[in-house]
């Protein structure tokens, strides 16, 4: 029975979380999540990806990035976008979580934790020794949440990035 029909009939509908791997038809939704996340992180000005870019990366002939969609009672609530990384010290792959986002209306319902649990289970099932991600240092709600599930900050590491003109100069260096 459709949700709207059940509500009209007065049926109680149990609220539940469903997580599934994104399919090609989900590309617009994943792109919407990415834009919403960028707005939340005050980084919308950095988004130059298009829906076609995301669709190609997720569903092209050799995808190297993956997305899981979380639904709350059938409503799109959030997503996790991830890829495999590799640890030379461990000699094995791990999972790097590029983005985790839950829409504001669905927060505090266990959806973020369910998405992380889903990825942790994938790590365990595939024998991957770690799941890791970055978090903005000002995002105290996220930091508290991550600490509550046992995530440890890697304070001894500093992220480095080369992009734009410095990337072009580095590529041209002889």
N, C-alpha and C. Protein backbone atom coordinates (compact mmCIF):
# COMPACT_ATOMS: atom_id res chain seq x y z
N UNK A 1 0.84 -1.17 0.00
CA UNK A 1 0.00 0.00 0.00
C UNK A 1 0.89 1.24 0.00
N UNK A 2 0.57 2.17 -0.86
CA UNK A 2 1.35 3.40 -0.92
C UNK A 2 1.22 4.17 0.38
N UNK A 3 2.29 4.91 0.73
CA UNK A 3 2.30 5.65 1.98
C UNK A 3 1.15 6.64 2.10
N UNK A 4 0.88 7.41 1.03
CA UNK A 4 -0.17 8.42 1.13
C UNK A 4 -1.54 7.77 1.34
N UNK A 5 -1.79 6.65 0.70
CA UNK A 5 -3.05 5.94 0.87
C UNK A 5 -3.16 5.39 2.30
N UNK A 6 -2.08 4.86 2.82
CA UNK A 6 -2.10 4.32 4.18
C UNK A 6 -2.38 5.42 5.19
N UNK A 7 -1.79 6.60 4.99
CA UNK A 7 -2.06 7.71 5.90
C UNK A 7 -3.54 8.10 5.88
N UNK A 8 -4.13 8.16 4.68
CA UNK A 8 -5.54 8.53 4.55
C UNK A 8 -6.44 7.51 5.24
N UNK A 9 -6.01 6.25 5.21
CA UNK A 9 -6.82 5.20 5.84
C UNK A 9 -6.58 5.10 7.35
N UNK A 10 -5.64 5.89 7.84
CA UNK A 10 -5.37 5.90 9.27
C UNK A 10 -4.46 4.77 9.74
N UNK A 11 -3.80 4.09 8.82
CA UNK A 11 -2.88 3.01 9.21
C UNK A 11 -1.59 3.60 9.77
N UNK A 12 -1.09 2.97 10.80
CA UNK A 12 0.22 3.36 11.32
C UNK A 12 1.27 2.70 10.43
N UNK A 13 2.25 3.49 10.06
CA UNK A 13 3.31 2.99 9.19
C UNK A 13 4.59 3.01 9.99
N UNK A 14 5.23 1.86 10.16
CA UNK A 14 6.49 1.85 10.90
C UNK A 14 7.57 2.61 10.12
N UNK A 15 8.30 3.45 10.82
CA UNK A 15 9.38 4.18 10.18
C UNK A 15 10.59 3.26 10.12
N UNK A 16 11.19 3.19 8.95
CA UNK A 16 12.31 2.29 8.80
C UNK A 16 13.34 2.87 7.86
N UNK A 17 14.58 2.38 8.01
CA UNK A 17 15.69 2.80 7.17
C UNK A 17 15.98 1.67 6.20
N UNK A 18 16.10 2.03 4.94
CA UNK A 18 16.50 1.10 3.90
C UNK A 18 17.73 1.68 3.23
N UNK A 19 18.74 0.84 2.99
CA UNK A 19 19.94 1.28 2.30
C UNK A 19 20.14 0.37 1.10
N UNK A 20 20.35 0.99 -0.06
CA UNK A 20 20.61 0.20 -1.26
C UNK A 20 21.65 0.93 -2.10
N UNK A 21 22.32 0.16 -2.95
CA UNK A 21 23.31 0.74 -3.84
C UNK A 21 22.59 1.59 -4.89
N UNK A 22 23.15 2.74 -5.18
CA UNK A 22 22.56 3.62 -6.18
C UNK A 22 22.58 2.94 -7.54
N UNK A 23 21.53 3.22 -8.30
CA UNK A 23 21.39 2.71 -9.67
C UNK A 23 21.41 3.90 -10.62
N UNK A 24 21.59 3.65 -11.92
CA UNK A 24 21.65 4.78 -12.87
C UNK A 24 20.49 5.76 -12.74
N UNK A 25 19.30 5.28 -12.44
CA UNK A 25 18.15 6.19 -12.30
C UNK A 25 18.30 7.12 -11.09
N UNK A 26 19.24 6.81 -10.18
CA UNK A 26 19.46 7.62 -8.99
C UNK A 26 20.45 8.76 -9.20
N UNK A 27 21.03 8.87 -10.39
CA UNK A 27 22.05 9.92 -10.63
C UNK A 27 21.53 11.32 -10.30
N UNK A 28 20.31 11.71 -10.69
CA UNK A 28 19.84 13.05 -10.31
C UNK A 28 19.74 13.22 -8.79
N UNK A 29 19.30 12.18 -8.10
CA UNK A 29 19.19 12.25 -6.64
C UNK A 29 20.57 12.39 -6.00
N UNK A 30 21.53 11.60 -6.45
CA UNK A 30 22.89 11.70 -5.90
C UNK A 30 23.44 13.10 -6.14
N UNK A 31 23.21 13.64 -7.32
CA UNK A 31 23.68 14.99 -7.61
C UNK A 31 23.00 16.02 -6.71
N UNK A 32 21.71 15.85 -6.46
CA UNK A 32 21.01 16.74 -5.52
C UNK A 32 21.62 16.65 -4.13
N UNK A 33 21.91 15.44 -3.66
CA UNK A 33 22.55 15.27 -2.35
C UNK A 33 23.89 16.00 -2.31
N UNK A 34 24.66 15.88 -3.38
CA UNK A 34 25.98 16.53 -3.43
C UNK A 34 25.83 18.05 -3.32
N UNK A 35 24.88 18.60 -4.05
CA UNK A 35 24.66 20.05 -3.98
C UNK A 35 24.17 20.47 -2.60
N UNK A 36 23.29 19.70 -1.99
CA UNK A 36 22.81 20.01 -0.64
C UNK A 36 23.96 19.95 0.36
N UNK A 37 24.80 18.95 0.24
CA UNK A 37 25.96 18.84 1.13
C UNK A 37 26.89 20.04 0.95
N UNK A 38 27.13 20.42 -0.29
CA UNK A 38 28.01 21.57 -0.55
C UNK A 38 27.43 22.84 0.08
N UNK A 39 26.13 23.01 0.00
CA UNK A 39 25.49 24.17 0.65
C UNK A 39 25.72 24.12 2.16
N UNK A 40 25.47 22.95 2.75
CA UNK A 40 25.65 22.80 4.20
C UNK A 40 27.08 23.10 4.62
N UNK A 41 28.04 22.64 3.83
CA UNK A 41 29.46 22.83 4.16
C UNK A 41 29.99 24.19 3.73
N UNK A 42 29.11 25.05 3.19
CA UNK A 42 29.49 26.38 2.73
C UNK A 42 30.51 26.32 1.59
N UNK A 43 30.36 25.28 0.76
CA UNK A 43 31.30 25.07 -0.33
C UNK A 43 30.61 24.98 -1.70
N UNK A 44 29.41 25.50 -1.79
CA UNK A 44 28.66 25.40 -3.06
C UNK A 44 29.44 26.02 -4.22
N UNK A 45 30.23 27.04 -3.94
CA UNK A 45 31.01 27.70 -4.98
C UNK A 45 32.08 26.79 -5.57
N UNK A 46 32.39 25.69 -4.90
CA UNK A 46 33.41 24.78 -5.41
C UNK A 46 32.85 23.66 -6.28
N UNK A 47 31.54 23.54 -6.34
CA UNK A 47 30.94 22.46 -7.13
C UNK A 47 30.94 22.86 -8.60
N UNK A 48 31.74 22.15 -9.37
CA UNK A 48 31.68 22.34 -10.82
C UNK A 48 31.32 21.05 -11.53
N UNK A 49 31.07 20.00 -10.76
CA UNK A 49 30.58 18.74 -11.34
C UNK A 49 29.18 18.95 -11.89
N UNK A 50 28.83 18.15 -12.87
CA UNK A 50 27.48 18.16 -13.41
C UNK A 50 26.81 16.83 -13.08
N UNK A 51 25.52 16.78 -13.27
CA UNK A 51 24.81 15.51 -13.08
C UNK A 51 25.39 14.45 -14.01
N UNK A 52 25.75 14.83 -15.24
CA UNK A 52 26.34 13.88 -16.19
C UNK A 52 27.69 13.37 -15.69
N UNK A 53 28.49 14.25 -15.08
CA UNK A 53 29.78 13.82 -14.51
C UNK A 53 29.56 12.75 -13.45
N UNK A 54 28.61 13.00 -12.56
CA UNK A 54 28.33 12.05 -11.48
C UNK A 54 27.80 10.74 -12.04
N UNK A 55 26.88 10.82 -12.98
CA UNK A 55 26.33 9.61 -13.60
C UNK A 55 27.44 8.81 -14.27
N UNK A 56 28.34 9.48 -14.99
CA UNK A 56 29.44 8.78 -15.65
C UNK A 56 30.39 8.12 -14.66
N UNK A 57 30.69 8.83 -13.56
CA UNK A 57 31.61 8.27 -12.56
C UNK A 57 31.01 7.07 -11.85
N UNK A 58 29.73 7.16 -11.53
CA UNK A 58 29.08 6.08 -10.78
C UNK A 58 28.65 4.90 -11.65
N UNK A 59 28.27 5.18 -12.90
CA UNK A 59 27.63 4.14 -13.70
C UNK A 59 28.25 3.95 -15.08
N UNK A 60 29.44 4.48 -15.29
CA UNK A 60 30.13 4.30 -16.57
C UNK A 60 30.60 2.87 -16.73
N UNK A 61 31.43 2.64 -17.73
CA UNK A 61 31.87 1.28 -18.03
C UNK A 61 32.79 0.70 -16.96
N UNK A 62 33.56 1.53 -16.29
CA UNK A 62 34.43 1.05 -15.22
C UNK A 62 34.31 1.99 -14.01
N UNK A 63 33.20 1.89 -13.27
CA UNK A 63 33.04 2.80 -12.13
C UNK A 63 34.13 2.60 -11.08
N UNK A 64 34.61 3.71 -10.57
CA UNK A 64 35.63 3.66 -9.51
C UNK A 64 35.14 4.32 -8.24
N UNK A 65 33.88 4.75 -8.26
CA UNK A 65 33.25 5.36 -7.10
C UNK A 65 31.84 4.79 -7.01
N UNK A 66 31.34 4.71 -5.79
CA UNK A 66 30.06 4.04 -5.55
C UNK A 66 29.22 4.89 -4.61
N UNK A 67 27.91 4.70 -4.65
CA UNK A 67 27.03 5.45 -3.76
C UNK A 67 25.97 4.51 -3.20
N UNK A 68 25.68 4.70 -1.94
CA UNK A 68 24.59 4.01 -1.27
C UNK A 68 23.56 5.07 -0.88
N UNK A 69 22.29 4.75 -1.11
CA UNK A 69 21.19 5.66 -0.82
C UNK A 69 20.45 5.14 0.41
N UNK A 70 20.20 6.04 1.36
CA UNK A 70 19.39 5.70 2.53
C UNK A 70 18.01 6.30 2.34
N UNK A 71 17.01 5.49 2.61
CA UNK A 71 15.62 5.97 2.57
C UNK A 71 15.01 5.78 3.95
N UNK A 72 14.18 6.72 4.32
CA UNK A 72 13.41 6.64 5.57
C UNK A 72 11.97 6.44 5.15
N UNK A 73 11.46 5.25 5.37
CA UNK A 73 10.09 4.90 4.97
C UNK A 73 9.79 5.30 3.53
N UNK A 74 10.73 4.98 2.65
CA UNK A 74 10.55 5.22 1.23
C UNK A 74 10.96 6.58 0.73
N UNK A 75 11.30 7.50 1.62
CA UNK A 75 11.71 8.85 1.22
C UNK A 75 13.24 8.93 1.17
N UNK A 76 13.83 9.48 0.09
CA UNK A 76 15.28 9.64 0.05
C UNK A 76 15.75 10.53 1.20
N UNK A 77 16.60 10.00 2.04
CA UNK A 77 17.01 10.71 3.26
C UNK A 77 18.48 11.08 3.29
N UNK A 78 19.33 10.32 2.62
CA UNK A 78 20.75 10.60 2.66
C UNK A 78 21.52 9.65 1.76
N UNK A 79 22.83 9.87 1.74
CA UNK A 79 23.67 9.01 0.91
C UNK A 79 25.09 8.95 1.45
N UNK A 80 25.80 7.93 0.99
CA UNK A 80 27.23 7.80 1.23
C UNK A 80 27.87 7.56 -0.13
N UNK A 81 28.88 8.35 -0.46
CA UNK A 81 29.63 8.17 -1.69
C UNK A 81 31.03 7.76 -1.30
N UNK A 82 31.51 6.65 -1.86
CA UNK A 82 32.77 6.06 -1.39
C UNK A 82 33.54 5.39 -2.52
N UNK A 83 34.80 5.08 -2.22
CA UNK A 83 35.62 4.32 -3.17
C UNK A 83 36.66 3.53 -2.38
N UNK A 84 37.28 2.59 -3.07
CA UNK A 84 38.34 1.80 -2.43
C UNK A 84 39.65 2.59 -2.48
N UNK A 85 40.35 2.60 -1.36
CA UNK A 85 41.70 3.14 -1.33
C UNK A 85 42.65 1.98 -1.03
N UNK A 86 43.90 2.27 -0.80
CA UNK A 86 44.87 1.20 -0.55
C UNK A 86 45.88 1.65 0.48
N UNK A 87 46.20 0.77 1.40
CA UNK A 87 47.23 1.02 2.39
C UNK A 87 48.46 0.17 2.06
N UNK A 88 49.56 0.83 1.74
CA UNK A 88 50.78 0.07 1.48
C UNK A 88 51.28 -0.59 2.76
N UNK A 89 51.07 0.05 3.90
CA UNK A 89 51.52 -0.54 5.17
C UNK A 89 50.72 -1.78 5.52
N UNK A 90 49.43 -1.78 5.21
CA UNK A 90 48.58 -2.94 5.50
C UNK A 90 48.58 -3.94 4.34
N UNK A 91 48.94 -3.46 3.16
CA UNK A 91 48.96 -4.32 1.99
C UNK A 91 47.57 -4.71 1.51
N UNK A 92 46.59 -3.90 1.87
CA UNK A 92 45.20 -4.20 1.50
C UNK A 92 44.43 -2.92 1.22
N UNK A 93 43.32 -3.11 0.55
CA UNK A 93 42.42 -2.00 0.30
C UNK A 93 41.64 -1.66 1.57
N UNK A 94 41.07 -0.49 1.56
CA UNK A 94 40.12 -0.04 2.56
C UNK A 94 39.03 0.72 1.84
N UNK A 95 38.14 1.32 2.58
CA UNK A 95 37.12 2.16 1.99
C UNK A 95 37.34 3.58 2.46
N UNK A 96 37.32 4.49 1.50
CA UNK A 96 37.38 5.91 1.79
C UNK A 96 35.99 6.49 1.53
N UNK A 97 35.41 7.06 2.55
CA UNK A 97 34.10 7.69 2.46
C UNK A 97 34.30 9.13 2.03
N UNK A 98 33.95 9.44 0.81
CA UNK A 98 34.12 10.80 0.29
C UNK A 98 33.06 11.73 0.85
N UNK A 99 31.82 11.28 0.84
CA UNK A 99 30.73 12.12 1.33
C UNK A 99 29.70 11.28 2.07
N UNK A 100 29.24 11.82 3.18
CA UNK A 100 28.12 11.26 3.94
C UNK A 100 27.20 12.44 4.21
N UNK A 101 25.94 12.31 3.82
CA UNK A 101 25.01 13.41 4.00
C UNK A 101 23.63 12.86 4.32
N UNK A 102 23.01 13.47 5.32
CA UNK A 102 21.62 13.17 5.67
C UNK A 102 20.87 14.49 5.64
N UNK A 103 19.77 14.49 4.93
CA UNK A 103 18.96 15.71 4.83
C UNK A 103 18.48 16.15 6.22
N UNK A 104 18.42 17.46 6.47
CA UNK A 104 18.07 17.97 7.80
C UNK A 104 16.80 17.36 8.39
N UNK A 105 15.77 17.17 7.60
CA UNK A 105 14.50 16.64 8.12
C UNK A 105 14.63 15.20 8.63
N UNK A 106 15.72 14.52 8.25
CA UNK A 106 15.88 13.11 8.62
C UNK A 106 17.01 12.88 9.63
N UNK A 107 17.60 13.95 10.11
CA UNK A 107 18.70 13.79 11.06
C UNK A 107 18.18 13.32 12.42
N UNK A 108 19.05 12.73 13.20
CA UNK A 108 18.76 12.19 14.54
C UNK A 108 17.79 11.01 14.48
N UNK A 109 17.79 10.30 13.37
CA UNK A 109 16.96 9.11 13.23
C UNK A 109 17.82 7.85 13.05
N UNK A 110 19.15 8.01 13.14
CA UNK A 110 20.04 6.87 12.99
C UNK A 110 20.45 6.58 11.56
N UNK A 111 20.15 7.49 10.64
CA UNK A 111 20.44 7.25 9.23
C UNK A 111 21.94 7.33 8.94
N UNK A 112 22.60 8.35 9.47
CA UNK A 112 24.04 8.45 9.27
C UNK A 112 24.76 7.24 9.84
N UNK A 113 24.37 6.84 11.02
CA UNK A 113 24.98 5.66 11.64
C UNK A 113 24.69 4.41 10.82
N UNK A 114 23.49 4.30 10.28
CA UNK A 114 23.15 3.14 9.44
C UNK A 114 24.01 3.10 8.18
N UNK A 115 24.25 4.26 7.58
CA UNK A 115 25.11 4.30 6.39
C UNK A 115 26.54 3.88 6.74
N UNK A 116 27.05 4.38 7.87
CA UNK A 116 28.39 3.98 8.29
C UNK A 116 28.45 2.49 8.65
N UNK A 117 27.43 2.00 9.31
CA UNK A 117 27.37 0.57 9.65
C UNK A 117 27.37 -0.26 8.36
N UNK A 118 26.62 0.19 7.37
CA UNK A 118 26.57 -0.51 6.08
C UNK A 118 27.97 -0.61 5.48
N UNK A 119 28.73 0.48 5.50
CA UNK A 119 30.09 0.46 4.97
C UNK A 119 31.03 -0.36 5.84
N UNK A 120 30.85 -0.29 7.15
CA UNK A 120 31.67 -1.10 8.05
C UNK A 120 31.43 -2.59 7.78
N UNK A 121 30.20 -2.97 7.56
CA UNK A 121 29.89 -4.37 7.25
C UNK A 121 30.53 -4.78 5.93
N UNK A 122 30.56 -3.89 4.97
CA UNK A 122 31.24 -4.19 3.70
C UNK A 122 32.73 -4.42 3.96
N UNK A 123 33.33 -3.56 4.77
CA UNK A 123 34.75 -3.73 5.11
C UNK A 123 34.99 -5.11 5.74
N UNK A 124 34.19 -5.45 6.72
CA UNK A 124 34.36 -6.74 7.41
C UNK A 124 34.15 -7.90 6.43
N UNK A 125 33.09 -7.84 5.63
CA UNK A 125 32.79 -8.92 4.68
C UNK A 125 33.90 -9.10 3.64
N UNK A 126 34.55 -7.99 3.23
CA UNK A 126 35.57 -8.05 2.20
C UNK A 126 36.98 -8.12 2.78
N UNK A 127 37.12 -8.20 4.09
CA UNK A 127 38.43 -8.28 4.72
C UNK A 127 39.24 -7.00 4.59
N UNK A 128 38.56 -5.87 4.58
CA UNK A 128 39.22 -4.58 4.46
C UNK A 128 39.51 -4.05 5.87
N UNK A 129 40.74 -3.63 6.14
CA UNK A 129 41.10 -3.28 7.52
C UNK A 129 40.65 -1.91 8.01
N UNK A 130 40.15 -1.04 7.11
CA UNK A 130 39.77 0.28 7.63
C UNK A 130 38.76 1.00 6.75
N UNK A 131 38.04 1.87 7.43
CA UNK A 131 37.08 2.79 6.83
C UNK A 131 37.50 4.17 7.32
N UNK A 132 37.72 5.08 6.39
CA UNK A 132 38.18 6.41 6.81
C UNK A 132 37.54 7.50 5.98
N UNK A 133 37.60 8.74 6.53
CA UNK A 133 37.00 9.90 5.89
C UNK A 133 37.57 11.15 6.52
N UNK A 134 37.28 12.29 5.91
CA UNK A 134 37.64 13.59 6.47
C UNK A 134 36.37 14.23 6.99
N UNK A 135 36.56 15.16 7.92
CA UNK A 135 35.45 15.97 8.42
C UNK A 135 35.98 17.39 8.63
N UNK A 136 35.16 18.36 8.29
CA UNK A 136 35.57 19.74 8.48
C UNK A 136 35.73 20.03 9.97
N UNK A 137 36.78 20.74 10.33
CA UNK A 137 37.08 20.95 11.74
C UNK A 137 36.06 21.82 12.47
N UNK A 138 35.23 22.56 11.74
CA UNK A 138 34.20 23.39 12.39
C UNK A 138 32.89 22.64 12.58
N UNK A 139 32.77 21.45 12.01
CA UNK A 139 31.51 20.72 12.05
C UNK A 139 31.38 19.91 13.34
N UNK A 140 31.16 20.63 14.42
CA UNK A 140 31.11 20.00 15.75
C UNK A 140 30.03 18.92 15.88
N UNK A 141 28.84 19.10 15.32
CA UNK A 141 27.86 18.00 15.41
C UNK A 141 28.39 16.70 14.78
N UNK A 142 29.04 16.82 13.62
CA UNK A 142 29.59 15.63 12.97
C UNK A 142 30.74 15.05 13.80
N UNK A 143 31.61 15.92 14.32
CA UNK A 143 32.73 15.44 15.14
C UNK A 143 32.23 14.68 16.37
N UNK A 144 31.21 15.22 17.04
CA UNK A 144 30.63 14.52 18.20
C UNK A 144 30.07 13.16 17.80
N UNK A 145 29.34 13.15 16.70
CA UNK A 145 28.75 11.90 16.22
C UNK A 145 29.84 10.88 15.91
N UNK A 146 30.87 11.29 15.19
CA UNK A 146 31.94 10.35 14.83
C UNK A 146 32.67 9.83 16.06
N UNK A 147 32.90 10.68 17.04
CA UNK A 147 33.53 10.22 18.29
C UNK A 147 32.63 9.20 18.98
N UNK A 148 31.31 9.41 18.91
CA UNK A 148 30.38 8.51 19.60
C UNK A 148 30.38 7.10 19.02
N UNK A 149 30.80 6.95 17.76
CA UNK A 149 30.85 5.61 17.17
C UNK A 149 32.25 5.02 17.20
N UNK A 150 33.18 5.72 17.84
CA UNK A 150 34.53 5.18 18.00
C UNK A 150 35.53 5.63 16.96
N UNK A 151 35.19 6.60 16.13
CA UNK A 151 36.14 7.11 15.14
C UNK A 151 37.24 7.89 15.86
N UNK A 152 38.46 7.74 15.39
CA UNK A 152 39.60 8.42 16.00
C UNK A 152 40.16 9.45 15.01
N UNK A 153 40.36 10.69 15.46
CA UNK A 153 40.97 11.68 14.57
C UNK A 153 42.43 11.34 14.31
N UNK A 154 42.86 11.60 13.12
CA UNK A 154 44.25 11.34 12.73
C UNK A 154 45.01 12.66 12.77
N UNK A 155 45.19 13.19 13.98
CA UNK A 155 45.77 14.51 14.15
C UNK A 155 47.20 14.63 13.66
N UNK A 156 47.91 13.52 13.58
CA UNK A 156 49.30 13.59 13.16
C UNK A 156 49.47 13.72 11.65
N UNK A 157 48.36 13.67 10.91
CA UNK A 157 48.40 13.79 9.46
C UNK A 157 47.82 15.14 9.04
N UNK A 158 48.42 15.75 8.04
CA UNK A 158 47.92 16.99 7.46
C UNK A 158 47.60 16.74 6.00
N UNK A 159 46.42 17.08 5.59
CA UNK A 159 46.01 16.89 4.21
C UNK A 159 46.76 17.86 3.32
N UNK A 160 47.23 17.37 2.20
CA UNK A 160 47.90 18.20 1.20
C UNK A 160 47.12 18.06 -0.10
N UNK A 161 47.06 19.14 -0.87
CA UNK A 161 46.33 19.10 -2.13
C UNK A 161 47.01 20.03 -3.13
N UNK A 162 47.11 19.56 -4.36
CA UNK A 162 47.58 20.38 -5.47
C UNK A 162 46.44 20.43 -6.47
N UNK A 163 46.02 21.63 -6.84
CA UNK A 163 44.91 21.79 -7.76
C UNK A 163 45.11 23.07 -8.57
N UNK A 164 44.34 23.21 -9.64
CA UNK A 164 44.38 24.45 -10.43
C UNK A 164 45.74 24.71 -11.05
N UNK A 165 46.16 25.97 -11.00
CA UNK A 165 47.42 26.39 -11.61
C UNK A 165 48.64 25.65 -11.04
N UNK A 166 48.73 25.46 -9.70
CA UNK A 166 49.88 24.69 -9.19
C UNK A 166 49.91 23.26 -9.75
N UNK A 167 48.77 22.66 -9.96
CA UNK A 167 48.73 21.31 -10.55
C UNK A 167 49.27 21.33 -11.97
N UNK A 168 48.85 22.32 -12.75
CA UNK A 168 49.34 22.44 -14.12
C UNK A 168 50.85 22.67 -14.15
N UNK A 169 51.34 23.52 -13.26
CA UNK A 169 52.79 23.78 -13.20
C UNK A 169 53.55 22.53 -12.81
N UNK A 170 53.05 21.80 -11.85
CA UNK A 170 53.71 20.57 -11.43
C UNK A 170 53.75 19.55 -12.57
N UNK A 171 52.67 19.44 -13.30
CA UNK A 171 52.60 18.50 -14.42
C UNK A 171 53.58 18.87 -15.53
N UNK A 172 53.84 20.16 -15.71
CA UNK A 172 54.75 20.63 -16.76
C UNK A 172 56.21 20.61 -16.35
N UNK A 173 56.48 20.50 -15.06
CA UNK A 173 57.86 20.55 -14.58
C UNK A 173 58.68 19.43 -15.19
N UNK A 174 59.94 19.78 -15.47
CA UNK A 174 60.81 18.75 -16.06
C UNK A 174 61.79 18.22 -15.05
